[in-house]
Amino acid sequence: MRSFSPDGKAIVQNVTSKGGNALLYRPIDGSPAHLMLGPLPDALNFFAWSPSGSKLGVLQLRKSSDVVLITDLAGKQPH
């Protein structure tokens, strides 16, 4: 995903950097780009600017799962 910055002077896009996910601020005047956020281990699924342009909201979805094996404490096999 990519978006113009609120002032219209840069393009902000999600990128992979140093093994994580980040937001890159790339000025359209050709000056050097820099990371605004990250790198983070989880995916950056969506980002948006507040109406005033003073804040940036970022959505990250995290999946986790646990597996638990339950056995009969007496060691009996089910019939």
C-alpha atoms as a PDB file:
ATOM      1  CA  MET A   1       0.000   0.000   0.000  1.00  0.00           C
ATOM      2  CA  ARG A   2       1.166   3.552  -0.630  1.00  0.00           C
ATOM      3  CA  SER A   3      -0.205   6.997   0.057  1.00  0.00           C
ATOM      4  CA  PHE A   4       0.795  10.621  -0.260  1.00  0.00           C
ATOM      5  CA  SER A   5       1.843  12.318   2.957  1.00  0.00           C
ATOM      6  CA  PRO A   6      -0.691  14.895   4.222  1.00  0.00           C
ATOM      7  CA  ASP A   7       1.464  17.789   2.995  1.00  0.00           C
ATOM      8  CA  GLY A   8       1.794  16.166  -0.462  1.00  0.00           C
ATOM      9  CA  LYS A   9       5.579  16.279  -0.327  1.00  0.00           C
ATOM     10  CA  ALA A  10       6.239  12.534  -0.105  1.00  0.00           C
ATOM     11  CA  ILE A  11       4.938   9.079  -0.860  1.00  0.00           C
ATOM     12  CA  VAL A  12       4.656   6.735   2.108  1.00  0.00           C
ATOM     13  CA  GLN A  13       4.657   3.021   1.404  1.00  0.00           C
ATOM     14  CA  ASN A  14       5.032  -0.226   3.280  1.00  0.00           C
ATOM     15  CA  VAL A  15       8.293  -2.058   2.553  1.00  0.00           C
ATOM     16  CA  THR A  16      10.366  -4.929   3.899  1.00  0.00           C
ATOM     17  CA  SER A  17      13.501  -3.706   5.634  1.00  0.00           C
ATOM     18  CA  LYS A  18      16.059  -5.579   7.738  1.00  0.00           C
ATOM     19  CA  GLY A  19      13.825  -8.637   7.981  1.00  0.00           C
ATOM     20  CA  GLY A  20      10.745  -6.729   9.116  1.00  0.00           C
ATOM     21  CA  ASN A  21       7.918  -4.587   7.815  1.00  0.00           C
ATOM     22  CA  ALA A  22       8.276  -0.826   7.767  1.00  0.00           C
ATOM     23  CA  LEU A  23       6.821   2.406   6.422  1.00  0.00           C
ATOM     24  CA  LEU A  24       9.137   4.287   4.076  1.00  0.00           C
ATOM     25  CA  TYR A  25       8.828   8.063   3.629  1.00  0.00           C
ATOM     26  CA  ARG A  26      10.030   8.902   0.100  1.00  0.00           C
ATOM     27  CA  PRO A  27      10.123  12.660  -0.677  1.00  0.00           C
ATOM     28  CA  ILE A  28       9.062  13.501  -4.230  1.00  0.00           C
ATOM     29  CA  ASP A  29      11.755  16.197  -4.485  1.00  0.00           C
ATOM     30  CA  GLY A  30      14.414  13.466  -4.706  1.00  0.00           C
ATOM     31  CA  SER A  31      15.888  13.910  -1.227  1.00  0.00           C
ATOM     32  CA  PRO A  32      16.809  10.706   0.639  1.00  0.00           C
ATOM     33  CA  ALA A  33      14.050   8.395   1.813  1.00  0.00           C
ATOM     34  CA  HIS A  34      13.840   7.331   5.463  1.00  0.00           C
ATOM     35  CA  LEU A  35      11.883   4.880   7.576  1.00  0.00           C
ATOM     36  CA  MET A  36       8.955   6.392   9.462  1.00  0.00           C
ATOM     37  CA  LEU A  37       8.105   3.201  11.318  1.00  0.00           C
ATOM     38  CA  GLY A  38       9.721  -0.167  11.818  1.00  0.00           C
ATOM     39  CA  PRO A  39      11.054  -2.576  11.017  1.00  0.00           C
ATOM     40  CA  LEU A  40       8.392  -4.593  12.839  1.00  0.00           C
ATOM     41  CA  PRO A  41       8.002  -8.385  12.848  1.00  0.00           C
ATOM     42  CA  ASP A  42       4.273  -8.377  12.010  1.00  0.00           C
ATOM     43  CA  ALA A  43       2.724  -7.393   8.694  1.00  0.00           C
ATOM     44  CA  LEU A  44       1.530  -3.825   8.214  1.00  0.00           C
ATOM     45  CA  ASN A  45      -1.874  -4.455   6.687  1.00  0.00           C
ATOM     46  CA  PHE A  46      -3.149  -0.886   6.382  1.00  0.00           C
ATOM     47  CA  PHE A  47      -2.252   2.678   7.336  1.00  0.00           C
ATOM     48  CA  ALA A  48      -4.105   5.985   7.109  1.00  0.00           C
ATOM     49  CA  TRP A  49      -3.607   9.590   8.130  1.00  0.00           C
ATOM     50  CA  SER A  50      -5.916  11.378  10.560  1.00  0.00           C
ATOM     51  CA  PRO A  51      -8.098  14.126   9.007  1.00  0.00           C
ATOM     52  CA  SER A  52      -5.717  16.792  10.364  1.00  0.00           C
ATOM     53  CA  GLY A  53      -2.700  14.901   9.000  1.00  0.00           C
ATOM     54  CA  SER A  54      -0.972  15.065  12.382  1.00  0.00           C
ATOM     55  CA  LYS A  55      -1.345  11.372  13.239  1.00  0.00           C
ATOM     56  CA  LEU A  56      -0.836   8.099  11.427  1.00  0.00           C
ATOM     57  CA  GLY A  57      -2.901   4.994  12.197  1.00  0.00           C
ATOM     58  CA  VAL A  58      -1.436   1.566  11.456  1.00  0.00           C
ATOM     59  CA  LEU A  59      -3.278  -1.762  11.363  1.00  0.00           C
ATOM     60  CA  GLN A  60      -1.325  -4.906  12.126  1.00  0.00           C
ATOM     61  CA  LEU A  61      -2.939  -8.333  12.213  1.00  0.00           C
ATOM     62  CA  ARG A  62      -1.239 -10.946  14.309  1.00  0.00           C
ATOM     63  CA  LYS A  63      -2.013 -14.647  14.111  1.00  0.00           C
ATOM     64  CA  SER A  64      -1.093 -16.996  16.888  1.00  0.00           C
ATOM     65  CA  SER A  65      -2.045 -20.540  17.687  1.00  0.00           C
ATOM     66  CA  ASP A  66      -1.260 -22.974  20.444  1.00  0.00           C
ATOM     67  CA  VAL A  67      -1.518 -26.717  20.371  1.00  0.00           C
ATOM     68  CA  VAL A  68      -2.207 -28.648  23.545  1.00  0.00           C
ATOM     69  CA  LEU A  69      -1.981 -32.436  23.763  1.00  0.00           C
ATOM     70  CA  ILE A  70      -4.152 -33.895  26.513  1.00  0.00           C
ATOM     71  CA  THR A  71      -3.445 -37.445  27.563  1.00  0.00           C
ATOM     72  CA  ASP A  72      -5.032 -39.735  30.132  1.00  0.00           C
ATOM     73  CA  LEU A  73      -3.125 -39.180  33.376  1.00  0.00           C
ATOM     74  CA  ALA A  74      -3.432 -42.873  34.279  1.00  0.00           C
ATOM     75  CA  GLY A  75      -1.880 -43.849  30.974  1.00  0.00           C
ATOM     76  CA  LYS A  76      -4.897 -45.928  29.940  1.00  0.00           C
ATOM     77  CA  GLN A  77      -5.795 -46.344  26.312  1.00  0.00           C
ATOM     78  CA  PRO A  78      -9.396 -45.439  25.334  1.00  0.00           C
ATOM     79  CA  HIS A  79     -11.627 -48.420  24.462  1.00  0.00           C
END
